[in-house]
């Protein structure tokens, strides 16, 4: 799907073999470049780690990690800290993808429905993995629901609910970022038209650029919060730490 054809990355796409263009389009290449930049940024900030941090990079990333851990424990509960690497990575990556839209000559990859679906499907697969890892085969029982006598009605309802989650995540993120990009583009066109008439540059798009930066963080936060809520529902408070605590309480040694 090509919602936004105009970007500097199109110059790279034209250099690709014809057979690769439907796989590595402008959005895919941009997303890979953002991923590489994030990895380099994290790597530079976390090399030469010291017990007492002296570099700004180490201080920032330690603060970020502790913030993600605190968030996961608040939303998911005991044992939620082990999901911080996934959810933190998700937040940082989506924020970077969203913010790219304010860089001249680039477009937000998350303004493409293909990209947001890829992110949401990855998240939902991970949620299912966490559910099975936490509860084993009993995880399937959440499809039965309550009361169990109505399982024939509950199962299709819960299956539809699970299938709607990636759709909801993808469309919400795509709609917000795509809408912001379109508004900024239209305001730029209006500013150009005004300049052609009165020869005075008026940055009509500037307030929307500031709003786009704000929305970029908010939408990444919403995506991470919903993902954490899905994980909390899938694990249902049966995290390893929590499970270990219960296991210790009911173990023969504890008795």
Foldseek 3Di string as FASTA:
>chain_A
DPPDPFFPLVVVLVVDDPVCCVPCPSLNVVLVVLVVVVVVLLCVLCPPDDPDDDDPSVVVVVVLLVVLQVVQCVQQNPQRSVCSVVLSVLLVSLLSLLLQCLPPRDHRSLLDLVVLLVSLVVLLVVLLVLLCVLPNPCLLVVQCPPPNVVSVVSNVVVVVVSVCRSVVRSCVSNVVSNVLSVVLVVQVVVQVVVCVPPVDRDNSSVVSSVVSSVVSNVSSVVSSSVSSNSSSVSNVQRRPVSVVVVCCCPPPVVD
